[in-house]
């Protein structure tokens, strides 16, 4: 089947700040997993993000995977599970940094 011009997948991440302090940065790992529990892609991200106490971040940034027409690129790995609504996204928070400089690390 022919792919549309500029075929791509976008991934938006939204986080809830359940603390009473402003979050100014998050380090996290996300994995894109298929229905067979196979990791198709994963990445560790350091994101300078502002999330007020009790709020969620704006979803104004996103990850973008496009078809590069190279064989076995990330787009080729994830488009099937995305199209069939079977892509699983797992997110693990590694570190949260608050506005007072406090860093909370998770194992």
PDB file of N, CA and C in Angstrom:
ATOM      1  N   UNK A   1       0.850  -1.182   0.000  1.00  0.00           N
ATOM      2  CA  UNK A   1       0.000   0.000   0.000  1.00  0.00           C
ATOM      3  C   UNK A   1       0.889   1.236   0.000  1.00  0.00           C
ATOM      4  N   UNK A   2       0.521   2.206  -0.811  1.00  0.00           N
ATOM      5  CA  UNK A   2       1.326   3.417  -0.925  1.00  0.00           C
ATOM      6  C   UNK A   2       1.111   4.321   0.290  1.00  0.00           C
ATOM      7  N   UNK A   3       2.198   4.877   0.791  1.00  0.00           N
ATOM      8  CA  UNK A   3       2.132   5.764   1.958  1.00  0.00           C
ATOM      9  C   UNK A   3       1.831   7.175   1.502  1.00  0.00           C
ATOM     10  N   UNK A   4       1.097   7.926   2.323  1.00  0.00           N
ATOM     11  CA  UNK A   4       0.839   9.329   1.962  1.00  0.00           C
ATOM     12  C   UNK A   4       2.113  10.156   2.071  1.00  0.00           C
ATOM     13  N   UNK A   5       2.163  11.228   1.311  1.00  0.00           N
ATOM     14  CA  UNK A   5       3.294  12.150   1.370  1.00  0.00           C
ATOM     15  C   UNK A   5       3.386  12.723   2.786  1.00  0.00           C
ATOM     16  N   UNK A   6       4.593  12.845   3.298  1.00  0.00           N
ATOM     17  CA  UNK A   6       4.851  13.353   4.649  1.00  0.00           C
ATOM     18  C   UNK A   6       4.211  12.493   5.733  1.00  0.00           C
ATOM     19  N   UNK A   7       4.138  11.178   5.534  1.00  0.00           N
ATOM     20  CA  UNK A   7       3.589  10.278   6.556  1.00  0.00           C
ATOM     21  C   UNK A   7       4.420  10.402   7.826  1.00  0.00           C
ATOM     22  N   UNK A   8       3.741  10.503   8.968  1.00  0.00           N
ATOM     23  CA  UNK A   8       4.448  10.656  10.236  1.00  0.00           C
ATOM     24  C   UNK A   8       3.569  10.218  11.399  1.00  0.00           C
ATOM     25  N   UNK A   9       4.204  10.064  12.551  1.00  0.00           N
ATOM     26  CA  UNK A   9       3.529   9.761  13.813  1.00  0.00           C
ATOM     27  C   UNK A   9       4.006  10.797  14.816  1.00  0.00           C
ATOM     28  N   UNK A  10       3.080  11.330  15.598  1.00  0.00           N
ATOM     29  CA  UNK A  10       3.431  12.278  16.658  1.00  0.00           C
ATOM     30  C   UNK A  10       3.108  11.664  18.011  1.00  0.00           C
ATOM     31  N   UNK A  11       3.986  11.904  18.963  1.00  0.00           N
ATOM     32  CA  UNK A  11       3.761  11.436  20.331  1.00  0.00           C
ATOM     33  C   UNK A  11       3.785  12.615  21.283  1.00  0.00           C
ATOM     34  N   UNK A  12       2.696  12.795  22.009  1.00  0.00           N
ATOM     35  CA  UNK A  12       2.573  13.870  22.995  1.00  0.00           C
ATOM     36  C   UNK A  12       2.638  13.256  24.390  1.00  0.00           C
ATOM     37  N   UNK A  13       3.371  13.888  25.290  1.00  0.00           N
ATOM     38  CA  UNK A  13       3.458  13.417  26.668  1.00  0.00           C
ATOM     39  C   UNK A  13       2.921  14.489  27.599  1.00  0.00           C
ATOM     40  N   UNK A  14       2.079  14.072  28.526  1.00  0.00           N
ATOM     41  CA  UNK A  14       1.550  15.008  29.507  1.00  0.00           C
ATOM     42  C   UNK A  14       1.786  14.444  30.899  1.00  0.00           C
ATOM     43  N   UNK A  15       2.262  15.315  31.796  1.00  0.00           N
ATOM     44  CA  UNK A  15       2.578  14.927  33.160  1.00  0.00           C
ATOM     45  C   UNK A  15       1.746  15.743  34.136  1.00  0.00           C
ATOM     46  N   UNK A  16       1.354  15.120  35.227  1.00  0.00           N
ATOM     47  CA  UNK A  16       0.592  15.754  36.304  1.00  0.00           C
ATOM     48  C   UNK A  16       1.543  16.005  37.469  1.00  0.00           C
ATOM     49  N   UNK A  17       1.591  17.229  37.964  1.00  0.00           N
ATOM     50  CA  UNK A  17       2.397  17.577  39.131  1.00  0.00           C
ATOM     51  C   UNK A  17       1.494  17.494  40.358  1.00  0.00           C
ATOM     52  N   UNK A  18       1.652  16.445  41.151  1.00  0.00           N
ATOM     53  CA  UNK A  18       0.834  16.251  42.345  1.00  0.00           C
ATOM     54  C   UNK A  18       1.484  16.819  43.597  1.00  0.00           C
ATOM     55  N   UNK A  19       2.564  17.565  43.438  1.00  0.00           N
ATOM     56  CA  UNK A  19       3.251  18.146  44.589  1.00  0.00           C
ATOM     57  C   UNK A  19       2.751  19.569  44.838  1.00  0.00           C
ATOM     58  N   UNK A  20       3.297  20.188  45.888  1.00  0.00           N
ATOM     59  CA  UNK A  20       2.950  21.574  46.200  1.00  0.00           C
ATOM     60  C   UNK A  20       4.044  22.545  45.736  1.00  0.00           C
ATOM     61  N   UNK A  21       4.992  22.049  44.922  1.00  0.00           N
ATOM     62  CA  UNK A  21       6.082  22.869  44.383  1.00  0.00           C
ATOM     63  C   UNK A  21       6.035  22.847  42.866  1.00  0.00           C
ATOM     64  N   UNK A  22       6.637  23.872  42.255  1.00  0.00           N
ATOM     65  CA  UNK A  22       6.717  23.934  40.795  1.00  0.00           C
ATOM     66  C   UNK A  22       7.808  22.987  40.292  1.00  0.00           C
ATOM     67  N   UNK A  23       7.488  22.168  39.292  1.00  0.00           N
ATOM     68  CA  UNK A  23       8.460  21.314  38.625  1.00  0.00           C
ATOM     69  C   UNK A  23       9.107  22.127  37.505  1.00  0.00           C
ATOM     70  N   UNK A  24      10.462  22.040  37.397  1.00  0.00           N
ATOM     71  CA  UNK A  24      11.164  22.778  36.349  1.00  0.00           C
ATOM     72  C   UNK A  24      11.902  21.864  35.367  1.00  0.00           C
ATOM     73  N   UNK A  25      12.004  20.582  35.692  1.00  0.00           N
ATOM     74  CA  UNK A  25      12.652  19.642  34.777  1.00  0.00           C
ATOM     75  C   UNK A  25      12.289  18.213  35.167  1.00  0.00           C
ATOM     76  N   UNK A  26      12.254  17.351  34.147  1.00  0.00           N
ATOM     77  CA  UNK A  26      11.983  15.927  34.356  1.00  0.00           C
ATOM     78  C   UNK A  26      12.925  15.135  33.466  1.00  0.00           C
ATOM     79  N   UNK A  27      13.489  14.077  34.030  1.00  0.00           N
ATOM     80  CA  UNK A  27      14.212  13.094  33.219  1.00  0.00           C
ATOM     81  C   UNK A  27      13.366  11.830  33.267  1.00  0.00           C
ATOM     82  N   UNK A  28      13.072  11.287  32.087  1.00  0.00           N
ATOM     83  CA  UNK A  28      12.238  10.087  32.034  1.00  0.00           C
ATOM     84  C   UNK A  28      12.637   9.209  30.863  1.00  0.00           C
ATOM     85  N   UNK A  29      12.227   7.968  30.944  1.00  0.00           N
ATOM     86  CA  UNK A  29      12.445   7.018  29.854  1.00  0.00           C
ATOM     87  C   UNK A  29      11.085   6.637  29.314  1.00  0.00           C
ATOM     88  N   UNK A  30      10.954   6.648  27.987  1.00  0.00           N
ATOM     89  CA  UNK A  30       9.726   6.132  27.415  1.00  0.00           C
ATOM     90  C   UNK A  30      10.060   5.026  26.426  1.00  0.00           C
ATOM     91  N   UNK A  31       9.175   4.050  26.377  1.00  0.00           N
ATOM     92  CA  UNK A  31       9.335   2.910  25.491  1.00  0.00           C
ATOM     93  C   UNK A  31       8.072   2.746  24.672  1.00  0.00           C
ATOM     94  N   UNK A  32       8.242   2.465  23.388  1.00  0.00           N
ATOM     95  CA  UNK A  32       7.131   2.163  22.495  1.00  0.00           C
ATOM     96  C   UNK A  32       7.143   0.654  22.285  1.00  0.00           C
ATOM     97  N   UNK A  33       6.041   0.004  22.627  1.00  0.00           N
ATOM     98  CA  UNK A  33       5.979  -1.455  22.711  1.00  0.00           C
ATOM     99  C   UNK A  33       4.824  -1.960  21.864  1.00  0.00           C
ATOM    100  N   UNK A  34       5.048  -3.076  21.173  1.00  0.00           N
ATOM    101  CA  UNK A  34       3.976  -3.637  20.356  1.00  0.00           C
ATOM    102  C   UNK A  34       3.112  -4.603  21.173  1.00  0.00           C
ATOM    103  N   UNK A  35       2.103  -5.188  20.539  1.00  0.00           N
ATOM    104  CA  UNK A  35       1.161  -6.076  21.224  1.00  0.00           C
ATOM    105  C   UNK A  35       1.819  -7.357  21.736  1.00  0.00           C
ATOM    106  N   UNK A  36       3.020  -7.671  21.246  1.00  0.00           N
ATOM    107  CA  UNK A  36       3.753  -8.852  21.691  1.00  0.00           C
ATOM    108  C   UNK A  36       4.753  -8.523  22.797  1.00  0.00           C
ATOM    109  N   UNK A  37       4.650  -7.321  23.353  1.00  0.00           N
ATOM    110  CA  UNK A  37       5.540  -6.831  24.410  1.00  0.00           C
ATOM    111  C   UNK A  37       6.987  -6.644  23.941  1.00  0.00           C
ATOM    112  N   UNK A  38       7.186  -6.458  22.641  1.00  0.00           N
ATOM    113  CA  UNK A  38       8.513  -6.188  22.105  1.00  0.00           C
ATOM    114  C   UNK A  38       8.745  -4.683  22.088  1.00  0.00           C
ATOM    115  N   UNK A  39       9.877  -4.245  22.630  1.00  0.00           N
ATOM    116  CA  UNK A  39      10.230  -2.824  22.613  1.00  0.00           C
ATOM    117  C   UNK A  39      10.672  -2.453  21.205  1.00  0.00           C
ATOM    118  N   UNK A  40       9.940  -1.546  20.589  1.00  0.00           N
ATOM    119  CA  UNK A  40      10.246  -1.095  19.239  1.00  0.00           C
ATOM    120  C   UNK A  40      11.187   0.102  19.246  1.00  0.00           C
ATOM    121  N   UNK A  41      11.081   0.908  20.311  1.00  0.00           N
ATOM    122  CA  UNK A  41      11.893   2.114  20.423  1.00  0.00           C
ATOM    123  C   UNK A  41      11.874   2.542  21.875  1.00  0.00           C
ATOM    124  N   UNK A  42      13.008   3.007  22.382  1.00  0.00           N
ATOM    125  CA  UNK A  42      13.006   3.644  23.695  1.00  0.00           C
ATOM    126  C   UNK A  42      14.034   4.757  23.725  1.00  0.00           C
ATOM    127  N   UNK A  43      13.803   5.688  24.642  1.00  0.00           N
ATOM    128  CA  UNK A  43      14.655   6.864  24.716  1.00  0.00           C
ATOM    129  C   UNK A  43      14.623   7.426  26.130  1.00  0.00           C
ATOM    130  N   UNK A  44      15.752   7.946  26.574  1.00  0.00           N
ATOM    131  CA  UNK A  44      15.808   8.679  27.840  1.00  0.00           C
ATOM    132  C   UNK A  44      15.824  10.161  27.489  1.00  0.00           C
ATOM    133  N   UNK A  45      14.932  10.906  28.131  1.00  0.00           N
ATOM    134  CA  UNK A  45      14.716  12.311  27.797  1.00  0.00           C
ATOM    135  C   UNK A  45      14.993  13.179  29.023  1.00  0.00           C
ATOM    136  N   UNK A  46      15.708  14.282  28.821  1.00  0.00           N
ATOM    137  CA  UNK A  46      15.843  15.327  29.842  1.00  0.00           C
ATOM    138  C   UNK A  46      15.051  16.519  29.320  1.00  0.00           C
ATOM    139  N   UNK A  47      13.969  16.836  30.006  1.00  0.00           N
ATOM    140  CA  UNK A  47      13.036  17.850  29.519  1.00  0.00           C
ATOM    141  C   UNK A  47      12.968  19.008  30.514  1.00  0.00           C
ATOM    142  N   UNK A  48      13.362  20.207  30.067  1.00  0.00           N
ATOM    143  CA  UNK A  48      13.183  21.414  30.882  1.00  0.00           C
ATOM    144  C   UNK A  48      11.732  21.841  30.690  1.00  0.00           C
ATOM    145  N   UNK A  49      10.935  21.561  31.692  1.00  0.00           N
ATOM    146  CA  UNK A  49       9.492  21.701  31.567  1.00  0.00           C
ATOM    147  C   UNK A  49       8.979  22.405  32.821  1.00  0.00           C
ATOM    148  N   UNK A  50       8.026  23.282  32.668  1.00  0.00           N
ATOM    149  CA  UNK A  50       7.437  23.969  33.820  1.00  0.00           C
ATOM    150  C   UNK A  50       6.045  23.391  34.051  1.00  0.00           C
ATOM    151  N   UNK A  51       5.862  22.860  35.261  1.00  0.00           N
ATOM    152  CA  UNK A  51       4.538  22.368  35.650  1.00  0.00           C
ATOM    153  C   UNK A  51       4.240  22.941  37.031  1.00  0.00           C
ATOM    154  N   UNK A  52       3.272  23.815  37.077  1.00  0.00           N
ATOM    155  CA  UNK A  52       2.881  24.427  38.347  1.00  0.00           C
ATOM    156  C   UNK A  52       2.311  23.362  39.288  1.00  0.00           C
ATOM    157  N   UNK A  53       2.373  23.632  40.587  1.00  0.00           N
ATOM    158  CA  UNK A  53       1.841  22.708  41.590  1.00  0.00           C
ATOM    159  C   UNK A  53       0.377  22.396  41.282  1.00  0.00           C
ATOM    160  N   UNK A  54       0.058  21.113  41.296  1.00  0.00           N
ATOM    161  CA  UNK A  54      -1.320  20.685  41.075  1.00  0.00           C
ATOM    162  C   UNK A  54      -1.790  20.761  39.632  1.00  0.00           C
ATOM    163  N   UNK A  55      -0.908  21.079  38.694  1.00  0.00           N
ATOM    164  CA  UNK A  55      -1.301  21.259  37.296  1.00  0.00           C
ATOM    165  C   UNK A  55      -0.659  20.210  36.394  1.00  0.00           C
ATOM    166  N   UNK A  56      -1.034  20.262  35.119  1.00  0.00           N
ATOM    167  CA  UNK A  56      -0.431  19.431  34.082  1.00  0.00           C
ATOM    168  C   UNK A  56       0.337  20.337  33.123  1.00  0.00           C
ATOM    169  N   UNK A  57       1.345  19.759  32.479  1.00  0.00           N
ATOM    170  CA  UNK A  57       2.080  20.544  31.481  1.00  0.00           C
ATOM    171  C   UNK A  57       1.232  20.727  30.233  1.00  0.00           C
ATOM    172  N   UNK A  58       1.545  21.787  29.514  1.00  0.00           N
ATOM    173  CA  UNK A  58       0.903  22.005  28.218  1.00  0.00           C
ATOM    174  C   UNK A  58       1.464  20.975  27.259  1.00  0.00           C
ATOM    175  N   UNK A  59       0.653  20.534  26.334  1.00  0.00           N
ATOM    176  CA  UNK A  59       1.130  19.559  25.355  1.00  0.00           C
ATOM    177  C   UNK A  59       1.537  20.294  24.076  1.00  0.00           C
ATOM    178  N   UNK A  60       2.500  21.221  24.232  1.00  0.00           N
ATOM    179  CA  UNK A  60       2.933  22.030  23.102  1.00  0.00           C
ATOM    180  C   UNK A  60       4.224  21.512  22.466  1.00  0.00           C
ATOM    181  N   UNK A  61       4.785  20.460  23.028  1.00  0.00           N
ATOM    182  CA  UNK A  61       5.935  19.807  22.406  1.00  0.00           C
ATOM    183  C   UNK A  61       5.591  18.340  22.183  1.00  0.00           C
ATOM    184  N   UNK A  62       6.233  17.766  21.205  1.00  0.00           N
ATOM    185  CA  UNK A  62       5.930  16.375  20.889  1.00  0.00           C
ATOM    186  C   UNK A  62       7.110  15.731  20.189  1.00  0.00           C
ATOM    187  N   UNK A  63       7.068  14.406  20.137  1.00  0.00           N
ATOM    188  CA  UNK A  63       8.046  13.631  19.376  1.00  0.00           C
ATOM    189  C   UNK A  63       7.450  13.366  18.013  1.00  0.00           C
ATOM    190  N   UNK A  64       8.306  13.327  17.022  1.00  0.00           N
ATOM    191  CA  UNK A  64       7.850  13.245  15.639  1.00  0.00           C
ATOM    192  C   UNK A  64       8.701  12.211  14.924  1.00  0.00           C
ATOM    193  N   UNK A  65       8.042  11.194  14.398  1.00  0.00           N
ATOM    194  CA  UNK A  65       8.735  10.180  13.619  1.00  0.00           C
ATOM    195  C   UNK A  65       8.135  10.203  12.228  1.00  0.00           C
ATOM    196  N   UNK A  66       8.988  10.381  11.234  1.00  0.00           N
ATOM    197  CA  UNK A  66       8.492  10.407   9.862  1.00  0.00           C
ATOM    198  C   UNK A  66       9.108   9.266   9.070  1.00  0.00           C
ATOM    199  N   UNK A  67       8.467   8.956   7.981  1.00  0.00           N
ATOM    200  CA  UNK A  67       8.968   7.912   7.107  1.00  0.00           C
ATOM    201  C   UNK A  67      10.182   8.439   6.361  1.00  0.00           C
ATOM    202  N   UNK A  68      11.334   7.863   6.633  1.00  0.00           N
ATOM    203  CA  UNK A  68      12.566   8.290   5.971  1.00  0.00           C
ATOM    204  C   UNK A  68      12.819   7.494   4.698  1.00  0.00           C
ATOM    205  N   UNK A  69      11.986   6.512   4.468  1.00  0.00           N
ATOM    206  CA  UNK A  69      12.093   5.606   3.327  1.00  0.00           C
ATOM    207  C   UNK A  69      13.336   4.722   3.405  1.00  0.00           C
ATOM    208  N   UNK A  70      14.049   4.799   4.523  1.00  0.00           N
ATOM    209  CA  UNK A  70      15.128   3.840   4.781  1.00  0.00           C
ATOM    210  C   UNK A  70      14.465   2.576   5.326  1.00  0.00           C
ATOM    211  N   UNK A  71      15.038   1.453   5.038  1.00  0.00           N
ATOM    212  CA  UNK A  71      14.418   0.221   5.522  1.00  0.00           C
ATOM    213  C   UNK A  71      14.617   0.087   7.025  1.00  0.00           C
ATOM    214  N   UNK A  72      13.562  -0.335   7.688  1.00  0.00           N
ATOM    215  CA  UNK A  72      13.572  -0.630   9.120  1.00  0.00           C
ATOM    216  C   UNK A  72      13.856   0.596   9.997  1.00  0.00           C
ATOM    217  N   UNK A  73      13.385   1.785   9.583  1.00  0.00           N
ATOM    218  CA  UNK A  73      13.519   2.952  10.450  1.00  0.00           C
ATOM    219  C   UNK A  73      12.461   2.881  11.558  1.00  0.00           C
ATOM    220  N   UNK A  74      12.512   3.802  12.483  1.00  0.00           N
ATOM    221  CA  UNK A  74      11.585   3.777  13.619  1.00  0.00           C
ATOM    222  C   UNK A  74      10.144   3.878  13.143  1.00  0.00           C
ATOM    223  N   UNK A  75       9.894   4.719  12.179  1.00  0.00           N
ATOM    224  CA  UNK A  75       8.534   4.861  11.637  1.00  0.00           C
ATOM    225  C   UNK A  75       8.017   3.514  11.149  1.00  0.00           C
ATOM    226  N   UNK A  76       8.824   2.783  10.404  1.00  0.00           N
ATOM    227  CA  UNK A  76       8.403   1.476   9.892  1.00  0.00           C
ATOM    228  C   UNK A  76       8.089   0.508  11.027  1.00  0.00           C
ATOM    229  N   UNK A  77       8.813   0.614  12.133  1.00  0.00           N
ATOM    230  CA  UNK A  77       8.583  -0.283  13.271  1.00  0.00           C
ATOM    231  C   UNK A  77       7.286   0.038  14.004  1.00  0.00           C
ATOM    232  N   UNK A  78       6.929   1.327  14.085  1.00  0.00           N
ATOM    233  CA  UNK A  78       5.773   1.701  14.915  1.00  0.00           C
ATOM    234  C   UNK A  78       4.482   1.931  14.148  1.00  0.00           C
ATOM    235  N   UNK A  79       4.533   2.112  12.834  1.00  0.00           N
ATOM    236  CA  UNK A  79       3.316   2.485  12.105  1.00  0.00           C
ATOM    237  C   UNK A  79       2.250   1.380  12.147  1.00  0.00           C
ATOM    238  N   UNK A  80       2.644   0.120  12.109  1.00  0.00           N
ATOM    239  CA  UNK A  80       1.665  -0.967  12.191  1.00  0.00           C
ATOM    240  C   UNK A  80       0.905  -0.948  13.512  1.00  0.00           C
ATOM    241  N   UNK A  81       1.619  -0.961  14.653  1.00  0.00           N
ATOM    242  CA  UNK A  81       0.921  -0.890  15.937  1.00  0.00           C
ATOM    243  C   UNK A  81       0.124   0.409  16.122  1.00  0.00           C
ATOM    244  N   UNK A  82       0.615   1.532  15.588  1.00  0.00           N
ATOM    245  CA  UNK A  82      -0.137   2.788  15.682  1.00  0.00           C
ATOM    246  C   UNK A  82      -1.427   2.679  14.882  1.00  0.00           C
ATOM    247  N   UNK A  83      -1.321   2.180  13.655  1.00  0.00           N
ATOM    248  CA  UNK A  83      -2.485   2.074  12.773  1.00  0.00           C
ATOM    249  C   UNK A  83      -3.546   1.129  13.324  1.00  0.00           C
ATOM    250  N   UNK A  84      -3.117   0.079  14.011  1.00  0.00           N
ATOM    251  CA  UNK A  84      -4.075  -0.891  14.565  1.00  0.00           C
ATOM    252  C   UNK A  84      -4.452  -0.558  16.008  1.00  0.00           C
ATOM    253  N   UNK A  85      -3.988   0.584  16.498  1.00  0.00           N
ATOM    254  CA  UNK A  85      -4.279   1.046  17.862  1.00  0.00           C
ATOM    255  C   UNK A  85      -3.765   0.066  18.920  1.00  0.00           C
ATOM    256  N   UNK A  86      -2.631  -0.574  18.640  1.00  0.00           N
ATOM    257  CA  UNK A  86      -2.026  -1.528  19.565  1.00  0.00           C
ATOM    258  C   UNK A  86      -0.693  -1.072  20.131  1.00  0.00           C
ATOM    259  N   UNK A  87      -0.269   0.153  19.845  1.00  0.00           N
ATOM    260  CA  UNK A  87       1.002   0.622  20.376  1.00  0.00           C
ATOM    261  C   UNK A  87       0.838   0.934  21.861  1.00  0.00           C
ATOM    262  N   UNK A  88       1.723   0.394  22.660  1.00  0.00           N
ATOM    263  CA  UNK A  88       1.728   0.635  24.103  1.00  0.00           C
ATOM    264  C   UNK A  88       2.889   1.575  24.399  1.00  0.00           C
ATOM    265  N   UNK A  89       2.643   2.585  25.210  1.00  0.00           N
ATOM    266  CA  UNK A  89       3.693   3.519  25.610  1.00  0.00           C
ATOM    267  C   UNK A  89       3.886   3.380  27.116  1.00  0.00           C
ATOM    268  N   UNK A  90       5.109   3.089  27.513  1.00  0.00           N
ATOM    269  CA  UNK A  90       5.440   3.022  28.939  1.00  0.00           C
ATOM    270  C   UNK A  90       6.393   4.152  29.257  1.00  0.00           C
ATOM    271  N   UNK A  91       6.096   4.856  30.345  1.00  0.00           N
ATOM    272  CA  UNK A  91       6.923   5.982  30.774  1.00  0.00           C
ATOM    273  C   UNK A  91       7.393   5.707  32.196  1.00  0.00           C
ATOM    274  N   UNK A  92       8.692   5.881  32.414  1.00  0.00           N
ATOM    275  CA  UNK A  92       9.264   5.736  33.744  1.00  0.00           C
ATOM    276  C   UNK A  92       9.968   7.032  34.110  1.00  0.00           C
ATOM    277  N   UNK A  93       9.502   7.669  35.176  1.00  0.00           N
ATOM    278  CA  UNK A  93      10.141   8.898  35.664  1.00  0.00           C
ATOM    279  C   UNK A  93      11.452   8.515  36.342  1.00  0.00           C
ATOM    280  N   UNK A  94      12.535   9.207  35.978  1.00  0.00           N
ATOM    281  CA  UNK A  94      13.850   8.942  36.560  1.00  0.00           C
ATOM    282  C   UNK A  94      14.190  10.000  37.607  1.00  0.00           C
ATOM    283  N   UNK A  95      14.024  11.277  37.247  1.00  0.00           N
ATOM    284  CA  UNK A  95      14.342  12.382  38.160  1.00  0.00           C
ATOM    285  C   UNK A  95      13.368  13.533  37.918  1.00  0.00           C
ATOM    286  N   UNK A  96      12.942  14.151  39.011  1.00  0.00           N
ATOM    287  CA  UNK A  96      12.147  15.377  38.942  1.00  0.00           C
ATOM    288  C   UNK A  96      12.932  16.475  39.645  1.00  0.00           C
ATOM    289  N   UNK A  97      13.003  17.653  39.021  1.00  0.00           N
ATOM    290  CA  UNK A  97      13.695  18.799  39.617  1.00  0.00           C
ATOM    291  C   UNK A  97      12.654  19.876  39.909  1.00  0.00           C
ATOM    292  N   UNK A  98      12.668  20.370  41.149  1.00  0.00           N
ATOM    293  CA  UNK A  98      11.729  21.411  41.564  1.00  0.00           C
ATOM    294  C   UNK A  98      12.392  22.780  41.523  1.00  0.00           C
ATOM    295  N   UNK A  99      11.575  23.814  41.597  1.00  0.00           N
ATOM    296  CA  UNK A  99      12.072  25.187  41.463  1.00  0.00           C
ATOM    297  C   UNK A  99      13.031  25.611  42.566  1.00  0.00           C
ATOM    298  N   UNK A 100      13.035  24.914  43.696  1.00  0.00           N
ATOM    299  CA  UNK A 100      13.973  25.259  44.770  1.00  0.00           C
ATOM    300  C   UNK A 100      15.290  24.481  44.643  1.00  0.00           C
ATOM    301  N   UNK A 101      15.448  23.716  43.533  1.00  0.00           N
ATOM    302  CA  UNK A 101      16.670  22.950  43.303  1.00  0.00           C
ATOM    303  C   UNK A 101      16.625  21.518  43.805  1.00  0.00           C
ATOM    304  N   UNK A 102      15.599  21.169  44.538  1.00  0.00           N
ATOM    305  CA  UNK A 102      15.459  19.803  45.033  1.00  0.00           C
ATOM    306  C   UNK A 102      15.305  18.838  43.864  1.00  0.00           C
ATOM    307  N   UNK A 103      16.040  17.735  43.939  1.00  0.00           N
ATOM    308  CA  UNK A 103      15.943  16.693  42.915  1.00  0.00           C
ATOM    309  C   UNK A 103      15.440  15.417  43.587  1.00  0.00           C
ATOM    310  N   UNK A 104      14.420  14.826  43.014  1.00  0.00           N
ATOM    311  CA  UNK A 104      13.884  13.564  43.514  1.00  0.00           C
ATOM    312  C   UNK A 104      14.181  12.505  42.464  1.00  0.00           C
ATOM    313  N   UNK A 105      14.918  11.461  42.876  1.00  0.00           N
ATOM    314  CA  UNK A 105      15.285  10.386  41.953  1.00  0.00           C
ATOM    315  C   UNK A 105      14.465   9.147  42.260  1.00  0.00           C
ATOM    316  N   UNK A 106      14.102   8.452  41.199  1.00  0.00           N
ATOM    317  CA  UNK A 106      13.331   7.223  41.299  1.00  0.00           C
ATOM    318  C   UNK A 106      14.139   6.083  40.727  1.00  0.00           C
ATOM    319  N   UNK A 107      13.999   4.898  41.296  1.00  0.00           N
ATOM    320  CA  UNK A 107      14.718   3.720  40.802  1.00  0.00           C
ATOM    321  C   UNK A 107      13.936   3.021  39.729  1.00  0.00           C
TER     322      UNK A 107
END
